[in-house]
Each structure stands twice: as C-alpha cells, then as structure tokens.
Amino acid sequence: MSSLVTRVNIGCAHSQTREAEHRGQTAVAERDLDRSSPSVRFSRTCLKNVFSVLLIFVYLLLMAVAVFLVYQTITDFRDKLKHPVMSVSYKEVDVYEAPGIAIYPGKARLLSCDHHLYDHIPPLKSPGQPGKNQCVTQTMNYTDPFTNQTVKHALIVKGPCEVRKRELVFLQFHLNETEQDFSSIDYLLFASYKNFLASDNKNKFMQDCESSFSSWKFSGGFRTWVKMSLVKTTEEDGRQDVEFKQETSVVNYIDRRQATEKGDQLFFVVFEWKDPYIQEIQDIITANPWSMIALLCGVFLVLFKAADFAKLSVKWMIKIRKRHLKKRARELNHIS
C-alpha cells in the first residue's frame, strides 16, 4: 500500500514538473513575442514618419512652385499692361465715303476733271486744251499752318466712292512758261469731303488737314496713277485717326502736239481706290484681370491646403513620437 502511494506521489510530481516546464516555455515565448512586437511597431512608425517627411517636402516644393507661378503671373500681367498688342483687322465695304483731294496747282491751270468707271480712260482728244469739268470742286485760300504768313491756294476735289465699280477721278492740268527745270504739283488727301463742306471754318479745317496728313507730288509730262487705301487707327483715349496709304505708278505721256505747243507742261493724275478693304488698327491689352484673379485664387487655395496638410502631418508625427517615448519609458520602468 505504501509503495502504491509512493508511485502516485512520484507521478504527480512528474506531472507538476511537466506543467511547470510548459508554463515556463510559454512565458519565455510570450516574453520573446513582447520583445519582437515593439520592434515591428517601431519599424512601421519609422516608415510612417519617413513617408510624412517626404510628403512635407513634396508639398513644400509645390508651395515654392506656386509662389513662383504667382510672381510670374503678376509680372506678365504688368508687362502686358505696359505693352499692348496691335490688332489689325480689315473691314470690307461696298462704297467708300468720298475723300477730299486738296491740290495746290500754283501757276498751273485745271483743264479737265472727270469720273470714269472700271479703269476705262478714253483717249485724249485735245490735250492741252480746256475740256469738261464733271467733278465737284471748290477753290479756297487759307493761311499756311506752319508759317502763319504764307497764303496757300488750294483746289478741293471730291474723290471717288464707288469702289466696286472701280471709280476713278482723272484730272488734267496745264502749266505755261515754267522757269523751273522740274515741275510738279503738290496734293494731299483727307478723309471726308462731306466734312469739309459741312465745316463752319474751312480755313481751320484745311490747316488741321495739312498738319495731320502727308503731302505728295505728281510730275509734269507723266500720267501718275494714285491707288489709295484707308487706315483707321483707334487711340488709347478712344479717338480715331484716319490716314491714307497710296501706291503710285508713273507712265510716260507721249506728247503728239506740235513743236510750238510742247513748251507748255501738261500734268495728268488719276485717283482710284486700291481695294474695298479698310484697315483698322487698335491697341489691345491681352492681359485679362479675371483670368489672373482665378489663377491666383487657385494658387492660394493650393498653398492653403499644402500648409494645412503640413501642419496636420507635423502634429501627427509629434503625437506618434510622444506615444513612442511614453511606451519606452514604461518598458524601462517595468524592467527596473
């Protein structure tokens, strides 16, 4: 009986020993797991911190680009305000307003003036002799605007207007007993013959025209063909200036008069519109303030979002760092 009790006690001791060893191994495994899990968590926290720092650098880069974009946008806007772009457009018309042709014949005499269509000029029947005058003309004297002393004699002729029919004005002048080696007649073009007729002070009107428009010449012994084109320029203050561009071609006149009549000089000039297009020039400021404001709002929104994200990222990193330090201090206290 005693031997049986002894065997039972020995078996219980062995079983208790096995349970103790099993509990010891479990405790060692738990301790090993506790030791390994903080390292895993620390590596994950480190990766998150590195990723957050990279994001902060990316957003700082975006902020720098946004600031540069704002500066460049403002600089371009100011530059465009100082340097407007010239806009050129062409307006097609069927009928021009009849321009005014101011001719300064001097001692020369007007022989004939006529309107023709489709560039058809009939042969001269009696060159050097007075002919028909079917043009609207007016003579006047006015004071030279540059000297205020010289009185100028001008012949004002109504110019062509039917551009589709290629209307032209053909004038013939005669100059007797010239003492110069070269003879020419001055002329200038102004925008509206109707405005000249409606002007209360024609003297002042012609002085303003001579001050504003360039004058040209046509020579004796030739037929000068003047093709006009109109240019309208809109100034910054809203005023509209009108000027003429012209192309001239000179053709030699074959003088078939008798030798006794060839001492007198003959002048021939033709005025015609070049094409049915009026050139309009206007300065345009390409800088659009609304697009710049929209761009700046977008840039500032990006800056705000970037700053907000960077602030949240920094707070999150500080919070993670504090949590890690507290846990480490707790572990140190537990070990001690």
Protein backbone atom coordinates (compact mmCIF):
# COMPACT_ATOMS: atom_id res chain seq x y z
CA MET A 1 0.00 0.00 0.00
CA SER A 2 2.81 2.30 0.91
CA SER A 3 4.58 1.51 -2.37
CA LEU A 4 1.41 2.40 -4.30
CA VAL A 5 1.16 5.73 -2.53
CA THR A 6 4.77 6.37 -3.28
CA ARG A 7 4.23 5.71 -7.02
CA VAL A 8 1.22 8.03 -7.07
CA ASN A 9 3.20 10.80 -5.43
CA ILE A 10 6.07 10.36 -7.88
CA GLY A 11 3.63 10.51 -10.85
CA CYS A 12 2.04 13.68 -9.51
CA ALA A 13 5.47 15.20 -9.05
CA HIS A 14 6.42 14.37 -12.60
CA SER A 15 3.16 15.85 -13.96
CA GLN A 16 3.63 19.02 -11.90
CA THR A 17 7.19 19.26 -13.22
CA ARG A 18 5.95 18.95 -16.81
CA GLU A 19 3.29 21.64 -16.25
CA ALA A 20 5.88 23.93 -14.70
CA GLU A 21 8.21 23.44 -17.67
CA HIS A 22 5.32 24.06 -20.08
CA ARG A 23 4.37 27.24 -18.25
CA GLY A 24 8.00 28.34 -18.30
CA GLN A 25 8.28 27.78 -22.04
CA THR A 26 5.01 29.67 -22.61
CA ALA A 27 6.25 32.58 -20.52
CA VAL A 28 9.55 32.64 -22.45
CA ALA A 29 7.64 32.64 -25.78
CA GLU A 30 5.40 35.44 -24.58
CA ARG A 31 8.43 37.42 -23.46
CA ASP A 32 10.08 36.83 -26.85
CA LEU A 33 6.88 37.93 -28.60
CA ASP A 34 6.68 41.03 -26.44
CA ARG A 35 10.28 41.81 -27.27
CA SER A 36 9.78 41.36 -31.03
CA SER A 37 6.44 43.19 -31.41
CA PRO A 38 7.78 46.65 -30.29
CA SER A 39 10.49 46.43 -32.95
CA VAL A 40 7.88 45.69 -35.61
CA ARG A 41 5.74 48.57 -34.40
CA PHE A 42 8.80 50.84 -34.27
CA SER A 43 9.75 50.00 -37.88
CA ARG A 44 6.21 50.76 -39.02
CA THR A 45 6.24 54.07 -37.13
CA CYS A 46 9.60 54.93 -38.66
CA LEU A 47 8.29 54.24 -42.16
CA LYS A 48 5.24 56.39 -41.50
CA ASN A 49 7.46 59.21 -40.22
CA VAL A 50 9.72 59.00 -43.27
CA PHE A 51 6.70 58.97 -45.57
CA SER A 52 5.25 62.01 -43.78
CA VAL A 53 8.54 63.88 -44.09
CA LEU A 54 8.65 63.10 -47.80
CA LEU A 55 5.09 64.36 -48.19
CA ILE A 56 6.01 67.55 -46.38
CA PHE A 57 8.97 68.09 -48.72
CA VAL A 58 6.72 67.45 -51.74
CA TYR A 59 4.20 70.00 -50.54
CA LEU A 60 6.95 72.48 -49.75
CA LEU A 61 8.11 72.04 -53.34
CA LEU A 62 4.55 72.62 -54.55
CA MET A 63 4.37 75.77 -52.44
CA ALA A 64 7.61 77.05 -53.96
CA VAL A 65 6.30 76.38 -57.47
CA ALA A 66 3.01 78.10 -56.59
CA VAL A 67 4.83 81.18 -55.25
CA PHE A 68 6.95 81.36 -58.40
CA LEU A 69 3.83 81.00 -60.53
CA VAL A 70 2.15 83.87 -58.67
CA TYR A 71 5.20 86.09 -59.16
CA GLN A 72 5.46 85.20 -62.85
CA THR A 73 1.74 85.81 -63.41
CA ILE A 74 1.84 89.25 -61.81
CA THR A 75 4.99 90.16 -63.76
CA ASP A 76 3.45 89.06 -67.07
CA PHE A 77 0.26 90.99 -66.29
CA ARG A 78 2.17 94.20 -65.61
CA ASP A 79 4.27 93.71 -68.74
CA LYS A 80 1.17 93.20 -70.89
CA LEU A 81 -0.41 96.34 -69.44
CA LYS A 82 2.65 98.35 -70.47
CA HIS A 83 2.95 96.78 -73.94
CA PRO A 84 -0.45 96.36 -75.63
CA VAL A 85 -0.68 94.26 -78.77
CA MET A 86 -1.55 95.94 -82.04
CA SER A 87 -4.63 94.37 -83.60
CA VAL A 88 -5.09 94.79 -87.36
CA SER A 89 -8.40 93.93 -88.99
CA TYR A 90 -9.84 94.55 -92.45
CA LYS A 91 -13.37 95.74 -93.00
CA GLU A 92 -14.85 95.20 -96.44
CA VAL A 93 -17.13 97.93 -97.82
CA ASP A 94 -19.13 98.41 -101.00
CA VAL A 95 -18.95 102.20 -101.06
CA TYR A 96 -16.35 104.49 -99.55
CA GLU A 97 -17.14 107.90 -98.22
CA ALA A 98 -15.80 110.26 -100.86
CA PRO A 99 -12.44 111.61 -99.72
CA GLY A 100 -11.23 115.11 -100.27
CA ILE A 101 -8.32 115.79 -102.63
CA ALA A 102 -6.58 119.09 -101.97
CA ILE A 103 -4.43 120.08 -104.95
CA TYR A 104 -2.04 123.04 -104.91
CA PRO A 105 -1.58 123.86 -108.62
CA GLY A 106 0.38 127.08 -108.21
CA LYS A 107 0.51 128.67 -111.68
CA ALA A 108 -0.92 125.57 -113.33
CA ARG A 109 -4.50 125.64 -114.63
CA LEU A 110 -7.07 122.87 -114.44
CA LEU A 111 -8.07 121.80 -117.95
CA SER A 112 -10.49 118.96 -117.22
CA CYS A 113 -11.74 116.69 -114.47
CA ASP A 114 -13.92 113.63 -114.97
CA HIS A 115 -15.12 110.44 -113.25
CA HIS A 116 -14.69 107.12 -115.05
CA LEU A 117 -15.70 103.57 -114.16
CA TYR A 118 -13.88 100.22 -114.44
CA ASP A 119 -10.50 101.87 -115.08
CA HIS A 120 -11.57 103.00 -118.54
CA ILE A 121 -9.97 106.29 -119.52
CA PRO A 122 -10.85 107.31 -123.12
CA PRO A 123 -8.09 108.72 -125.35
CA LEU A 124 -7.38 112.42 -125.02
CA LYS A 125 -8.96 114.32 -127.92
CA SER A 126 -7.36 117.70 -127.43
CA PRO A 127 -4.57 117.55 -124.85
CA GLY A 128 -3.54 120.94 -123.59
CA GLN A 129 -6.97 122.42 -124.35
CA PRO A 130 -9.76 123.05 -121.84
CA GLY A 131 -12.23 120.19 -121.56
CA LYS A 132 -15.19 119.10 -119.45
CA ASN A 133 -15.21 119.51 -115.70
CA GLN A 134 -17.67 117.00 -114.28
CA CYS A 135 -16.09 116.85 -110.80
CA VAL A 136 -17.29 118.58 -107.66
CA THR A 137 -14.59 121.16 -106.99
CA GLN A 138 -14.12 124.18 -104.80
CA THR A 139 -11.28 126.68 -104.62
CA MET A 140 -10.16 128.40 -101.45
CA ASN A 141 -7.29 130.29 -99.88
CA TYR A 142 -6.06 129.67 -96.37
CA THR A 143 -3.07 130.54 -94.22
CA ASP A 144 -0.18 128.11 -94.03
CA PRO A 145 -0.39 126.39 -90.59
CA PHE A 146 3.39 126.21 -90.22
CA THR A 147 4.42 129.77 -91.14
CA ASN A 148 1.18 131.73 -90.43
CA GLN A 149 2.28 134.16 -93.13
CA THR A 150 2.02 132.39 -96.49
CA VAL A 151 -1.38 132.20 -98.14
CA LYS A 152 -1.95 128.90 -99.95
CA HIS A 153 -4.27 128.45 -102.90
CA ALA A 154 -5.97 125.05 -102.96
CA LEU A 155 -8.31 123.28 -105.34
CA ILE A 156 -10.53 120.87 -103.37
CA VAL A 157 -11.84 117.95 -105.45
CA LYS A 158 -14.36 115.33 -104.39
CA GLY A 159 -12.74 111.91 -104.68
CA PRO A 160 -14.14 108.55 -105.88
CA CYS A 161 -16.51 106.47 -103.75
CA GLU A 162 -17.81 103.57 -105.93
CA VAL A 163 -15.14 101.04 -105.07
CA ARG A 164 -16.99 98.06 -106.58
CA LYS A 165 -17.27 99.84 -109.92
CA ARG A 166 -13.61 100.89 -109.64
CA GLU A 167 -14.50 104.53 -109.97
CA LEU A 168 -11.63 106.90 -110.63
CA VAL A 169 -11.08 110.63 -110.95
CA PHE A 170 -8.95 111.82 -113.86
CA LEU A 171 -7.53 115.36 -113.79
CA GLN A 172 -5.53 117.27 -116.38
CA PHE A 173 -3.52 120.42 -115.71
CA HIS A 174 -1.65 122.83 -117.92
CA LEU A 175 1.33 124.96 -116.94
CA ASN A 176 2.55 127.74 -119.25
CA GLU A 177 6.01 129.33 -119.29
CA THR A 178 7.62 127.44 -116.43
CA GLU A 179 11.07 128.66 -115.40
CA GLN A 180 11.99 125.54 -113.40
CA ASP A 181 13.96 122.54 -114.61
CA PHE A 182 11.48 120.21 -112.89
CA SER A 183 7.79 120.87 -112.48
CA SER A 184 5.39 119.20 -110.06
CA ILE A 185 2.11 119.83 -108.29
CA ASP A 186 1.54 119.11 -104.60
CA TYR A 187 -1.56 117.40 -103.26
CA LEU A 188 -2.85 115.85 -100.06
CA LEU A 189 -5.75 113.54 -99.21
CA PHE A 190 -8.15 113.91 -96.30
CA ALA A 191 -10.83 111.53 -95.10
CA SER A 192 -14.15 113.18 -95.90
CA TYR A 193 -15.14 115.74 -98.49
CA LYS A 194 -18.57 115.96 -96.82
CA ASN A 195 -16.96 117.07 -93.56
CA PHE A 196 -15.11 119.76 -95.47
CA LEU A 197 -18.38 121.12 -96.92
CA ALA A 198 -20.11 120.96 -93.52
CA SER A 199 -17.26 122.75 -91.73
CA ASP A 200 -18.06 126.25 -90.49
CA ASN A 201 -14.41 127.28 -90.56
CA LYS A 202 -12.91 125.82 -93.73
CA ASN A 203 -9.69 127.73 -93.19
CA LYS A 204 -9.15 125.98 -89.85
CA PHE A 205 -10.28 122.65 -91.36
CA MET A 206 -7.64 122.80 -94.09
CA GLN A 207 -4.95 123.86 -91.62
CA ASP A 208 -5.75 120.83 -89.46
CA CYS A 209 -5.66 118.55 -92.52
CA GLU A 210 -2.30 119.85 -93.62
CA SER A 211 -0.96 119.39 -90.08
CA SER A 212 -2.30 115.82 -89.85
CA PHE A 213 -1.79 114.35 -93.34
CA SER A 214 1.27 113.99 -95.54
CA SER A 215 1.50 115.71 -98.89
CA TRP A 216 2.72 114.17 -102.16
CA LYS A 217 3.56 115.32 -105.67
CA PHE A 218 2.80 114.34 -109.22
CA SER A 219 5.10 115.42 -112.04
CA GLY A 220 4.57 117.05 -115.38
CA GLY A 221 4.82 115.08 -118.62
CA PHE A 222 3.61 111.86 -116.99
CA ARG A 223 0.40 110.21 -116.03
CA THR A 224 0.54 109.49 -112.30
CA TRP A 225 -1.83 106.76 -111.15
CA VAL A 226 -2.61 107.00 -107.43
CA LYS A 227 -4.25 103.99 -105.75
CA MET A 228 -5.47 104.83 -102.28
CA SER A 229 -6.13 102.66 -99.23
CA LEU A 230 -7.63 103.83 -95.96
CA VAL A 231 -6.19 103.12 -92.49
CA LYS A 232 -8.17 103.86 -89.33
CA THR A 233 -6.30 103.87 -86.02
CA THR A 234 -8.07 103.90 -82.64
CA GLU A 235 -6.03 105.64 -79.95
CA GLU A 236 -5.98 104.74 -76.25
CA ASP A 237 -8.28 107.66 -75.39
CA GLY A 238 -10.87 106.48 -77.94
CA ARG A 239 -10.02 108.97 -80.68
CA GLN A 240 -9.91 107.63 -84.21
CA ASP A 241 -7.28 108.84 -86.64
CA VAL A 242 -7.57 108.30 -90.37
CA GLU A 243 -4.69 108.23 -92.80
CA PHE A 244 -4.11 107.21 -96.37
CA LYS A 245 -1.65 104.76 -97.81
CA GLN A 246 -1.08 105.02 -101.50
CA GLU A 247 0.65 103.23 -104.31
CA THR A 248 1.69 105.33 -107.28
CA SER A 249 2.71 104.28 -110.75
CA VAL A 250 4.05 106.71 -113.33
CA VAL A 251 3.53 106.28 -117.06
CA ASN A 252 5.26 108.43 -119.66
CA TYR A 253 2.96 110.61 -121.73
CA ILE A 254 3.62 110.50 -125.48
CA ASP A 255 3.25 114.13 -126.46
CA ARG A 256 1.94 114.37 -130.05
CA ARG A 257 1.45 118.12 -130.01
CA GLN A 258 3.20 120.43 -132.40
CA ALA A 259 6.67 121.65 -131.52
CA THR A 260 5.37 125.17 -130.80
CA GLU A 261 2.97 123.78 -128.16
CA LYS A 262 5.37 121.44 -126.41
CA GLY A 263 6.86 124.25 -124.35
CA ASP A 264 3.83 124.14 -122.11
CA GLN A 265 3.85 121.43 -119.46
CA LEU A 266 0.94 119.01 -119.09
CA PHE A 267 0.04 117.14 -115.89
CA PHE A 268 -2.16 114.04 -115.66
CA VAL A 269 -3.19 112.36 -112.43
CA VAL A 270 -5.64 109.55 -111.66
CA PHE A 271 -7.09 108.85 -108.19
CA GLU A 272 -8.62 105.42 -107.51
CA TRP A 273 -9.27 103.17 -104.52
CA LYS A 274 -6.89 100.23 -104.32
CA ASP A 275 -9.34 97.67 -102.86
CA PRO A 276 -12.62 97.56 -100.90
CA TYR A 277 -10.91 96.92 -97.56
CA ILE A 278 -10.47 99.46 -94.79
CA GLN A 279 -7.60 98.63 -92.48
CA GLU A 280 -8.49 99.15 -88.82
CA ILE A 281 -5.70 99.27 -86.23
CA GLN A 282 -6.35 99.12 -82.50
CA ASP A 283 -4.17 98.53 -79.46
CA ILE A 284 -5.47 95.61 -77.41
CA ILE A 285 -4.35 94.72 -73.89
CA THR A 286 -4.12 90.93 -73.85
CA ALA A 287 -3.87 90.76 -70.05
CA ASN A 288 -7.18 89.53 -68.67
CA PRO A 289 -7.59 90.50 -65.00
CA TRP A 290 -10.32 87.90 -64.40
CA SER A 291 -8.16 85.00 -65.57
CA MET A 292 -5.30 86.26 -63.44
CA ILE A 293 -7.60 86.53 -60.39
CA ALA A 294 -8.88 82.98 -60.99
CA LEU A 295 -5.32 81.68 -61.31
CA LEU A 296 -4.24 83.45 -58.12
CA CYS A 297 -7.26 82.06 -56.24
CA GLY A 298 -6.34 78.54 -57.35
CA VAL A 299 -2.71 79.04 -56.36
CA PHE A 300 -3.62 80.42 -52.94
CA LEU A 301 -6.04 77.51 -52.41
CA VAL A 302 -3.20 75.07 -53.16
CA LEU A 303 -0.95 76.94 -50.71
CA PHE A 304 -3.62 76.82 -48.01
CA LYS A 305 -4.23 73.11 -48.48
CA ALA A 306 -0.49 72.41 -48.51
CA ALA A 307 0.04 74.37 -45.30
CA ASP A 308 -2.92 72.64 -43.67
CA PHE A 309 -1.64 69.18 -44.62
CA ALA A 310 1.88 70.01 -43.45
CA LYS A 311 0.51 71.23 -40.10
CA LEU A 312 -1.53 68.05 -39.60
CA SER A 313 1.44 65.88 -40.61
CA VAL A 314 3.70 67.61 -38.08
CA LYS A 315 1.10 67.23 -35.33
CA TRP A 316 0.68 63.55 -36.15
CA MET A 317 4.47 62.99 -36.08
CA ILE A 318 4.76 64.77 -32.71
CA LYS A 319 1.91 62.69 -31.32
CA ILE A 320 3.50 59.41 -32.54
CA ARG A 321 6.85 60.47 -31.11
CA LYS A 322 5.36 61.25 -27.71
CA ARG A 323 3.48 57.95 -27.66
CA HIS A 324 6.69 56.07 -28.52
CA LEU A 325 8.64 57.86 -25.76
CA LYS A 326 5.93 57.12 -23.17
CA LYS A 327 5.89 53.42 -24.13
CA ARG A 328 9.65 53.22 -23.95
CA ALA A 329 9.70 54.86 -20.52
CA ARG A 330 7.02 52.42 -19.35
CA GLU A 331 9.09 49.46 -20.53
CA LEU A 332 12.18 50.82 -18.81
CA ASN A 333 10.26 51.26 -15.57
CA HIS A 334 8.91 47.70 -15.86
CA ILE A 335 12.43 46.27 -16.39
CA SER A 336 13.84 48.25 -13.43
